[in-house]
Amino acid sequence: MICTISNGSYERFMNMCRHQKINLWDITLKKNHVIFSIRISDYRKLRPVAKKTKVVPHIKKLIGLPFVLARCIRNWPFMMAVILFSL
């Protein structure tokens, strides 16, 4: 999952995540926000850290097999057409 932070103290947020053993990777700093990747299980642990640092993390993109399968289930007519075409 890719998240963004648009305000608050980024450095303190990153340090507290490291202290709480929340893994963040692919961290990039843009003009006024930080973009990073995080696991879903770690995203649920972010709430106390975000409250202390006055940061609001926003989910930018959901990546992974569960999310792809959920999209496929929502578009089941298209998936049925692909399966029938391949047969």
C-alpha atoms as a PDB file:
ATOM      1  CA  MET A   1       0.000   0.000   0.000  1.00  0.00           C
ATOM      2  CA  ILE A   2       1.292   3.457  -0.874  1.00  0.00           C
ATOM      3  CA  CYS A   3       0.566   6.290   1.571  1.00  0.00           C
ATOM      4  CA  THR A   4       1.190  10.014   1.688  1.00  0.00           C
ATOM      5  CA  ILE A   5       1.677  12.517   4.497  1.00  0.00           C
ATOM      6  CA  SER A   6       0.983  16.143   3.694  1.00  0.00           C
ATOM      7  CA  ASN A   7       1.523  18.026   6.951  1.00  0.00           C
ATOM      8  CA  GLY A   8       3.149  17.705  10.352  1.00  0.00           C
ATOM      9  CA  SER A   9       6.628  16.715  11.432  1.00  0.00           C
ATOM     10  CA  TYR A  10       7.881  14.074   9.008  1.00  0.00           C
ATOM     11  CA  GLU A  11      11.128  13.310  10.817  1.00  0.00           C
ATOM     12  CA  ARG A  12       9.454  12.635  14.139  1.00  0.00           C
ATOM     13  CA  PHE A  13       6.867  10.461  12.412  1.00  0.00           C
ATOM     14  CA  MET A  14       9.589   8.373  10.713  1.00  0.00           C
ATOM     15  CA  ASN A  15      11.560   8.023  13.949  1.00  0.00           C
ATOM     16  CA  MET A  16       8.507   6.930  15.928  1.00  0.00           C
ATOM     17  CA  CYS A  17       7.590   4.401  13.215  1.00  0.00           C
ATOM     18  CA  ARG A  18      11.089   2.978  13.440  1.00  0.00           C
ATOM     19  CA  HIS A  19      10.867   2.815  17.237  1.00  0.00           C
ATOM     20  CA  GLN A  20       7.476   1.021  17.038  1.00  0.00           C
ATOM     21  CA  LYS A  21       8.983  -1.408  14.464  1.00  0.00           C
ATOM     22  CA  ILE A  22       6.671  -0.228  11.675  1.00  0.00           C
ATOM     23  CA  ASN A  23       8.420  -0.879   8.374  1.00  0.00           C
ATOM     24  CA  LEU A  24       8.353   1.926   5.809  1.00  0.00           C
ATOM     25  CA  TRP A  25      10.125   1.723   2.446  1.00  0.00           C
ATOM     26  CA  ASP A  26      10.364   3.590  -0.866  1.00  0.00           C
ATOM     27  CA  ILE A  27      10.286   6.875   1.035  1.00  0.00           C
ATOM     28  CA  THR A  28      10.352   9.917  -1.250  1.00  0.00           C
ATOM     29  CA  LEU A  29      10.110  13.561  -0.264  1.00  0.00           C
ATOM     30  CA  LYS A  30       8.219  15.845  -2.655  1.00  0.00           C
ATOM     31  CA  LYS A  31       7.660  19.586  -2.271  1.00  0.00           C
ATOM     32  CA  ASN A  32       5.177  19.481   0.600  1.00  0.00           C
ATOM     33  CA  HIS A  33       4.474  15.801   1.228  1.00  0.00           C
ATOM     34  CA  VAL A  34       6.157  12.444   1.824  1.00  0.00           C
ATOM     35  CA  ILE A  35       5.243   9.277  -0.083  1.00  0.00           C
ATOM     36  CA  PHE A  36       6.054   5.842   1.362  1.00  0.00           C
ATOM     37  CA  SER A  37       5.044   2.183   1.137  1.00  0.00           C
ATOM     38  CA  ILE A  38       3.739   0.225   4.095  1.00  0.00           C
ATOM     39  CA  ARG A  39       2.149  -3.146   4.840  1.00  0.00           C
ATOM     40  CA  ILE A  40      -1.525  -3.303   5.786  1.00  0.00           C
ATOM     41  CA  SER A  41      -0.780  -4.809   9.190  1.00  0.00           C
ATOM     42  CA  ASP A  42       1.640  -1.950   9.907  1.00  0.00           C
ATOM     43  CA  TYR A  43      -0.847   0.651   8.660  1.00  0.00           C
ATOM     44  CA  ARG A  44      -3.207  -0.349  11.459  1.00  0.00           C
ATOM     45  CA  LYS A  45      -0.427   0.385  13.991  1.00  0.00           C
ATOM     46  CA  LEU A  46       0.047   3.945  12.675  1.00  0.00           C
ATOM     47  CA  ARG A  47      -2.862   5.501  14.552  1.00  0.00           C
ATOM     48  CA  PRO A  48      -1.093   6.279  17.871  1.00  0.00           C
ATOM     49  CA  VAL A  49       2.029   7.459  16.048  1.00  0.00           C
ATOM     50  CA  ALA A  50      -0.003   9.718  13.758  1.00  0.00           C
ATOM     51  CA  LYS A  51      -1.864  11.184  16.735  1.00  0.00           C
ATOM     52  CA  LYS A  52       1.342  12.034  18.593  1.00  0.00           C
ATOM     53  CA  THR A  53       2.989  13.663  15.570  1.00  0.00           C
ATOM     54  CA  LYS A  54      -0.202  15.369  14.307  1.00  0.00           C
ATOM     55  CA  VAL A  55       0.176  13.709  10.914  1.00  0.00           C
ATOM     56  CA  VAL A  56      -2.644  12.318   8.783  1.00  0.00           C
ATOM     57  CA  PRO A  57      -1.565   9.440   6.526  1.00  0.00           C
ATOM     58  CA  HIS A  58      -3.662   9.027   3.376  1.00  0.00           C
ATOM     59  CA  ILE A  59      -3.833   5.857   1.303  1.00  0.00           C
ATOM     60  CA  LYS A  60      -2.797   6.693  -2.235  1.00  0.00           C
ATOM     61  CA  LYS A  61      -2.819   3.264  -3.883  1.00  0.00           C
ATOM     62  CA  LEU A  62      -3.619  -0.287  -2.806  1.00  0.00           C
ATOM     63  CA  ILE A  63      -1.211  -2.844  -4.244  1.00  0.00           C
ATOM     64  CA  GLY A  64      -1.224  -6.618  -3.909  1.00  0.00           C
ATOM     65  CA  LEU A  65      -3.102  -9.798  -4.735  1.00  0.00           C
ATOM     66  CA  PRO A  66      -6.058  -9.275  -2.339  1.00  0.00           C
ATOM     67  CA  PHE A  67      -6.809  -5.883  -3.856  1.00  0.00           C
ATOM     68  CA  VAL A  68      -6.463  -7.166  -7.428  1.00  0.00           C
ATOM     69  CA  LEU A  69      -8.856 -10.020  -6.645  1.00  0.00           C
ATOM     70  CA  ALA A  70     -11.336  -7.587  -5.095  1.00  0.00           C
ATOM     71  CA  ARG A  71     -11.241  -5.483  -8.269  1.00  0.00           C
ATOM     72  CA  CYS A  72     -11.765  -8.602 -10.371  1.00  0.00           C
ATOM     73  CA  ILE A  73     -14.781  -9.633  -8.300  1.00  0.00           C
ATOM     74  CA  ARG A  74     -16.314  -6.176  -8.748  1.00  0.00           C
ATOM     75  CA  ASN A  75     -15.805  -6.468 -12.522  1.00  0.00           C
ATOM     76  CA  TRP A  76     -17.032 -10.056 -12.792  1.00  0.00           C
ATOM     77  CA  PRO A  77     -18.687  -9.675 -16.248  1.00  0.00           C
ATOM     78  CA  PHE A  78     -15.380  -8.568 -17.742  1.00  0.00           C
ATOM     79  CA  MET A  79     -13.504 -11.415 -16.052  1.00  0.00           C
ATOM     80  CA  MET A  80     -16.070 -13.944 -17.318  1.00  0.00           C
ATOM     81  CA  ALA A  81     -15.610 -12.569 -20.827  1.00  0.00           C
ATOM     82  CA  VAL A  82     -11.827 -12.959 -20.539  1.00  0.00           C
ATOM     83  CA  ILE A  83     -12.170 -16.541 -19.299  1.00  0.00           C
ATOM     84  CA  LEU A  84     -14.654 -17.459 -22.036  1.00  0.00           C
ATOM     85  CA  PHE A  85     -12.453 -15.845 -24.680  1.00  0.00           C
ATOM     86  CA  SER A  86      -9.388 -17.759 -23.471  1.00  0.00           C
ATOM     87  CA  LEU A  87     -11.306 -21.056 -23.590  1.00  0.00           C
END
